Amino acid sequence: MSESSIWMMIIGVSLVSILPRILPIALFSRYEFPKPLKLWLSYVAPAVLGGLTALSILAPEGDIDIRINNLYIWAFIPTLVIAMKTKSLFYSLLVGIVAMALLYNFTS
């Protein structure tokens, strides 16, 4: 592969990566969206995050694992309780990390 084709590939991959991010902002930043659409769009990020979280907890190795020895479920329970009570990202992360550390170190 020649040096010029490598540079063309780098430029092509960069464009393919950046255009889907920049084009919507460039095209739609001047418009005011209707309230129902704004409300609907406000649910997209939490829904995606919830889906990714559920997948990470229930299928940590690719297959759904809801057995009692799934450590991720056990770490999620206190983390969810703290998140709901405190609504603090810091405390939620702290409890989740500590729960996983304890579960990893004290279970076989």
N, C-alpha and C. Protein backbone atom coordinates (compact mmCIF):
# COMPACT_ATOMS: atom_id res chain seq x y z
N MET A 1 0.85 -1.17 0.00
CA MET A 1 0.00 0.00 0.00
C MET A 1 0.90 1.23 0.00
N SER A 2 0.63 2.14 -0.91
CA SER A 2 1.48 3.32 -1.02
C SER A 2 1.10 4.35 0.05
N GLU A 3 2.01 5.28 0.25
CA GLU A 3 1.80 6.31 1.26
C GLU A 3 0.61 7.20 0.92
N SER A 4 0.41 7.48 -0.36
CA SER A 4 -0.72 8.34 -0.75
C SER A 4 -2.05 7.64 -0.50
N SER A 5 -2.11 6.32 -0.72
CA SER A 5 -3.37 5.61 -0.47
C SER A 5 -3.65 5.52 1.02
N ILE A 6 -2.62 5.46 1.83
CA ILE A 6 -2.83 5.46 3.29
C ILE A 6 -3.41 6.79 3.72
N TRP A 7 -2.86 7.88 3.18
CA TRP A 7 -3.39 9.21 3.53
C TRP A 7 -4.83 9.38 3.05
N MET A 8 -5.14 8.86 1.86
CA MET A 8 -6.51 8.94 1.35
C MET A 8 -7.46 8.15 2.24
N MET A 9 -6.99 7.00 2.73
CA MET A 9 -7.82 6.19 3.61
C MET A 9 -8.05 6.91 4.95
N ILE A 10 -7.03 7.53 5.49
CA ILE A 10 -7.16 8.28 6.74
C ILE A 10 -8.15 9.43 6.56
N ILE A 11 -8.03 10.16 5.47
CA ILE A 11 -8.95 11.28 5.20
C ILE A 11 -10.38 10.76 5.01
N GLY A 12 -10.53 9.67 4.28
CA GLY A 12 -11.86 9.10 4.05
C GLY A 12 -12.51 8.64 5.34
N VAL A 13 -11.77 7.94 6.18
CA VAL A 13 -12.30 7.47 7.45
C VAL A 13 -12.65 8.66 8.35
N SER A 14 -11.83 9.69 8.32
CA SER A 14 -12.12 10.89 9.12
C SER A 14 -13.41 11.55 8.68
N LEU A 15 -13.60 11.68 7.38
CA LEU A 15 -14.83 12.29 6.86
C LEU A 15 -16.06 11.47 7.22
N VAL A 16 -15.96 10.17 7.05
CA VAL A 16 -17.09 9.29 7.37
C VAL A 16 -17.41 9.36 8.85
N SER A 17 -16.42 9.57 9.67
CA SER A 17 -16.64 9.65 11.11
C SER A 17 -17.21 11.00 11.54
N ILE A 18 -16.74 12.08 10.93
CA ILE A 18 -17.13 13.41 11.41
C ILE A 18 -18.40 13.95 10.75
N LEU A 19 -18.68 13.57 9.50
CA LEU A 19 -19.85 14.11 8.81
C LEU A 19 -21.18 13.80 9.50
N PRO A 20 -21.41 12.57 9.98
CA PRO A 20 -22.69 12.33 10.67
C PRO A 20 -22.85 13.13 11.96
N ARG A 21 -21.76 13.61 12.52
CA ARG A 21 -21.83 14.41 13.74
C ARG A 21 -22.05 15.89 13.43
N ILE A 22 -21.42 16.37 12.37
CA ILE A 22 -21.46 17.80 12.06
C ILE A 22 -22.68 18.18 11.23
N LEU A 23 -23.06 17.33 10.27
CA LEU A 23 -24.16 17.68 9.38
C LEU A 23 -25.48 17.98 10.11
N PRO A 24 -25.92 17.15 11.05
CA PRO A 24 -27.17 17.50 11.73
C PRO A 24 -27.10 18.83 12.47
N ILE A 25 -25.98 19.11 13.08
CA ILE A 25 -25.83 20.39 13.79
C ILE A 25 -25.84 21.54 12.79
N ALA A 26 -25.14 21.39 11.70
CA ALA A 26 -25.09 22.45 10.70
C ALA A 26 -26.46 22.68 10.06
N LEU A 27 -27.21 21.62 9.83
CA LEU A 27 -28.50 21.76 9.16
C LEU A 27 -29.62 22.21 10.08
N PHE A 28 -29.63 21.73 11.32
CA PHE A 28 -30.79 21.95 12.19
C PHE A 28 -30.56 22.93 13.33
N SER A 29 -29.39 23.51 13.45
CA SER A 29 -29.13 24.41 14.58
C SER A 29 -29.90 25.73 14.46
N ARG A 30 -30.35 26.08 13.28
CA ARG A 30 -31.06 27.35 13.09
C ARG A 30 -32.56 27.22 13.35
N TYR A 31 -33.05 26.00 13.44
CA TYR A 31 -34.48 25.78 13.57
C TYR A 31 -34.89 25.57 15.02
N GLU A 32 -36.09 26.03 15.33
CA GLU A 32 -36.68 25.77 16.65
C GLU A 32 -37.66 24.60 16.48
N PHE A 33 -37.39 23.51 17.17
CA PHE A 33 -38.24 22.34 17.05
C PHE A 33 -39.51 22.52 17.86
N PRO A 34 -40.60 21.89 17.43
CA PRO A 34 -41.85 21.95 18.20
C PRO A 34 -41.67 21.27 19.56
N LYS A 35 -42.45 21.73 20.54
CA LYS A 35 -42.34 21.19 21.89
C LYS A 35 -42.51 19.68 21.97
N PRO A 36 -43.50 19.08 21.27
CA PRO A 36 -43.63 17.62 21.36
C PRO A 36 -42.39 16.88 20.86
N LEU A 37 -41.76 17.38 19.81
CA LEU A 37 -40.55 16.74 19.31
C LEU A 37 -39.41 16.90 20.30
N LYS A 38 -39.28 18.08 20.90
CA LYS A 38 -38.24 18.29 21.91
C LYS A 38 -38.44 17.36 23.10
N LEU A 39 -39.69 17.20 23.51
CA LEU A 39 -39.99 16.30 24.62
C LEU A 39 -39.64 14.87 24.26
N TRP A 40 -40.02 14.45 23.05
CA TRP A 40 -39.72 13.10 22.61
C TRP A 40 -38.20 12.88 22.54
N LEU A 41 -37.48 13.84 22.00
CA LEU A 41 -36.02 13.72 21.90
C LEU A 41 -35.35 13.69 23.27
N SER A 42 -35.97 14.30 24.28
CA SER A 42 -35.37 14.30 25.61
C SER A 42 -35.34 12.91 26.23
N TYR A 43 -36.15 11.99 25.69
CA TYR A 43 -36.16 10.62 26.22
C TYR A 43 -35.18 9.70 25.51
N VAL A 44 -34.58 10.13 24.43
CA VAL A 44 -33.71 9.26 23.65
C VAL A 44 -32.45 8.88 24.42
N ALA A 45 -31.74 9.84 24.96
CA ALA A 45 -30.49 9.55 25.67
C ALA A 45 -30.71 8.65 26.89
N PRO A 46 -31.71 8.95 27.77
CA PRO A 46 -31.92 8.02 28.89
C PRO A 46 -32.32 6.62 28.45
N ALA A 47 -33.08 6.51 27.36
CA ALA A 47 -33.49 5.19 26.87
C ALA A 47 -32.28 4.40 26.37
N VAL A 48 -31.40 5.05 25.63
CA VAL A 48 -30.19 4.39 25.14
C VAL A 48 -29.30 3.98 26.30
N LEU A 49 -29.11 4.88 27.26
CA LEU A 49 -28.28 4.57 28.42
C LEU A 49 -28.88 3.42 29.22
N GLY A 50 -30.21 3.42 29.38
CA GLY A 50 -30.86 2.33 30.10
C GLY A 50 -30.69 1.00 29.38
N GLY A 51 -30.80 1.01 28.07
CA GLY A 51 -30.61 -0.21 27.29
C GLY A 51 -29.20 -0.75 27.40
N LEU A 52 -28.22 0.14 27.31
CA LEU A 52 -26.82 -0.28 27.44
C LEU A 52 -26.53 -0.80 28.84
N THR A 53 -27.10 -0.15 29.85
CA THR A 53 -26.90 -0.59 31.22
C THR A 53 -27.52 -1.96 31.44
N ALA A 54 -28.75 -2.13 30.98
CA ALA A 54 -29.42 -3.43 31.14
C ALA A 54 -28.64 -4.53 30.44
N LEU A 55 -28.14 -4.25 29.27
CA LEU A 55 -27.36 -5.24 28.54
C LEU A 55 -26.08 -5.60 29.29
N SER A 56 -25.42 -4.61 29.87
CA SER A 56 -24.19 -4.85 30.61
C SER A 56 -24.44 -5.66 31.88
N ILE A 57 -25.59 -5.46 32.49
CA ILE A 57 -25.89 -6.15 33.74
C ILE A 57 -26.43 -7.56 33.48
N LEU A 58 -27.35 -7.68 32.55
CA LEU A 58 -28.03 -8.95 32.34
C LEU A 58 -27.30 -9.88 31.36
N ALA A 59 -26.43 -9.34 30.54
CA ALA A 59 -25.69 -10.17 29.59
C ALA A 59 -24.23 -9.75 29.55
N PRO A 60 -23.52 -9.88 30.68
CA PRO A 60 -22.14 -9.38 30.72
C PRO A 60 -21.18 -10.13 29.79
N GLU A 61 -21.52 -11.37 29.44
CA GLU A 61 -20.63 -12.13 28.56
C GLU A 61 -21.27 -12.45 27.23
N GLY A 62 -22.33 -11.70 26.87
CA GLY A 62 -22.97 -11.88 25.58
C GLY A 62 -24.29 -12.63 25.63
N ASP A 63 -24.44 -13.54 26.55
CA ASP A 63 -25.69 -14.29 26.70
C ASP A 63 -26.39 -13.81 27.96
N ILE A 64 -27.72 -13.79 27.93
CA ILE A 64 -28.47 -13.34 29.10
C ILE A 64 -28.21 -14.29 30.26
N ASP A 65 -27.84 -13.70 31.38
CA ASP A 65 -27.48 -14.47 32.57
C ASP A 65 -28.22 -13.89 33.77
N ILE A 66 -29.35 -14.50 34.13
CA ILE A 66 -30.11 -14.02 35.29
C ILE A 66 -30.03 -15.02 36.44
N ARG A 67 -28.94 -15.76 36.45
CA ARG A 67 -28.72 -16.70 37.56
C ARG A 67 -28.30 -15.96 38.81
N ILE A 68 -28.36 -16.64 39.92
CA ILE A 68 -28.06 -16.03 41.22
C ILE A 68 -26.57 -15.67 41.35
N ASN A 69 -25.72 -16.28 40.57
CA ASN A 69 -24.27 -15.99 40.69
C ASN A 69 -23.80 -14.90 39.72
N ASN A 70 -24.72 -14.15 39.12
CA ASN A 70 -24.35 -13.01 38.28
C ASN A 70 -24.03 -11.83 39.21
N LEU A 71 -22.76 -11.54 39.37
CA LEU A 71 -22.31 -10.50 40.30
C LEU A 71 -22.79 -9.11 39.90
N TYR A 72 -22.98 -8.91 38.61
CA TYR A 72 -23.40 -7.59 38.13
C TYR A 72 -24.80 -7.23 38.64
N ILE A 73 -25.68 -8.21 38.71
CA ILE A 73 -27.02 -7.94 39.24
C ILE A 73 -26.93 -7.57 40.71
N TRP A 74 -26.12 -8.31 41.46
CA TRP A 74 -25.99 -8.03 42.90
C TRP A 74 -25.34 -6.67 43.16
N ALA A 75 -24.43 -6.25 42.32
CA ALA A 75 -23.83 -4.92 42.48
C ALA A 75 -24.80 -3.83 42.05
N PHE A 76 -25.66 -4.13 41.09
CA PHE A 76 -26.62 -3.15 40.59
C PHE A 76 -27.67 -2.79 41.63
N ILE A 77 -28.09 -3.74 42.44
CA ILE A 77 -29.18 -3.51 43.40
C ILE A 77 -28.85 -2.38 44.38
N PRO A 78 -27.73 -2.43 45.14
CA PRO A 78 -27.45 -1.31 46.04
C PRO A 78 -27.14 -0.01 45.29
N THR A 79 -26.55 -0.14 44.11
CA THR A 79 -26.26 1.05 43.32
C THR A 79 -27.55 1.75 42.91
N LEU A 80 -28.54 1.00 42.49
CA LEU A 80 -29.83 1.57 42.10
C LEU A 80 -30.52 2.22 43.29
N VAL A 81 -30.47 1.57 44.45
CA VAL A 81 -31.10 2.14 45.65
C VAL A 81 -30.46 3.48 46.01
N ILE A 82 -29.13 3.52 46.00
CA ILE A 82 -28.42 4.78 46.33
C ILE A 82 -28.71 5.84 45.27
N ALA A 83 -28.75 5.46 44.02
CA ALA A 83 -29.03 6.42 42.95
C ALA A 83 -30.42 7.02 43.10
N MET A 84 -31.39 6.18 43.46
CA MET A 84 -32.76 6.68 43.62
C MET A 84 -32.89 7.56 44.86
N LYS A 85 -32.18 7.20 45.94
CA LYS A 85 -32.28 7.99 47.17
C LYS A 85 -31.53 9.31 47.08
N THR A 86 -30.30 9.28 46.58
CA THR A 86 -29.46 10.48 46.62
C THR A 86 -29.50 11.28 45.33
N LYS A 87 -29.82 10.62 44.20
CA LYS A 87 -29.77 11.25 42.88
C LYS A 87 -28.38 11.87 42.61
N SER A 88 -27.37 11.22 43.15
CA SER A 88 -26.00 11.70 43.02
C SER A 88 -25.19 10.70 42.20
N LEU A 89 -24.60 11.18 41.12
CA LEU A 89 -23.75 10.32 40.31
C LEU A 89 -22.54 9.85 41.09
N PHE A 90 -21.97 10.73 41.90
CA PHE A 90 -20.78 10.38 42.68
C PHE A 90 -21.07 9.22 43.62
N TYR A 91 -22.13 9.32 44.42
CA TYR A 91 -22.45 8.26 45.38
C TYR A 91 -22.86 6.97 44.66
N SER A 92 -23.54 7.10 43.55
CA SER A 92 -23.93 5.91 42.79
C SER A 92 -22.69 5.18 42.27
N LEU A 93 -21.77 5.91 41.69
CA LEU A 93 -20.53 5.30 41.20
C LEU A 93 -19.73 4.69 42.34
N LEU A 94 -19.65 5.41 43.45
CA LEU A 94 -18.91 4.92 44.60
C LEU A 94 -19.48 3.61 45.11
N VAL A 95 -20.79 3.55 45.27
CA VAL A 95 -21.43 2.32 45.76
C VAL A 95 -21.27 1.19 44.74
N GLY A 96 -21.42 1.49 43.46
CA GLY A 96 -21.25 0.46 42.44
C GLY A 96 -19.84 -0.11 42.41
N ILE A 97 -18.85 0.76 42.50
CA ILE A 97 -17.45 0.30 42.48
C ILE A 97 -17.13 -0.51 43.72
N VAL A 98 -17.56 -0.02 44.87
CA VAL A 98 -17.30 -0.74 46.13
C VAL A 98 -18.03 -2.09 46.12
N ALA A 99 -19.27 -2.10 45.66
CA ALA A 99 -20.03 -3.35 45.60
C ALA A 99 -19.34 -4.37 44.70
N MET A 100 -18.89 -3.95 43.53
CA MET A 100 -18.21 -4.88 42.63
C MET A 100 -16.89 -5.36 43.24
N ALA A 101 -16.16 -4.44 43.87
CA ALA A 101 -14.88 -4.84 44.50
C ALA A 101 -15.12 -5.88 45.57
N LEU A 102 -16.12 -5.63 46.41
CA LEU A 102 -16.41 -6.59 47.48
C LEU A 102 -16.87 -7.94 46.91
N LEU A 103 -17.74 -7.88 45.92
CA LEU A 103 -18.23 -9.12 45.33
C LEU A 103 -17.12 -9.91 44.65
N TYR A 104 -16.23 -9.23 43.94
CA TYR A 104 -15.11 -9.91 43.29
C TYR A 104 -14.16 -10.53 44.31
N ASN A 105 -13.91 -9.81 45.40
CA ASN A 105 -12.92 -10.28 46.36
C ASN A 105 -13.44 -11.30 47.36
N PHE A 106 -14.74 -11.29 47.63
CA PHE A 106 -15.26 -12.17 48.67
C PHE A 106 -16.16 -13.28 48.14
N THR A 107 -16.23 -13.45 46.84
CA THR A 107 -16.95 -14.59 46.26
C THR A 107 -15.99 -15.36 45.37
N SER A 108 -16.29 -16.60 45.18
CA SER A 108 -15.37 -17.38 44.35
C SER A 108 -15.93 -17.71 43.01
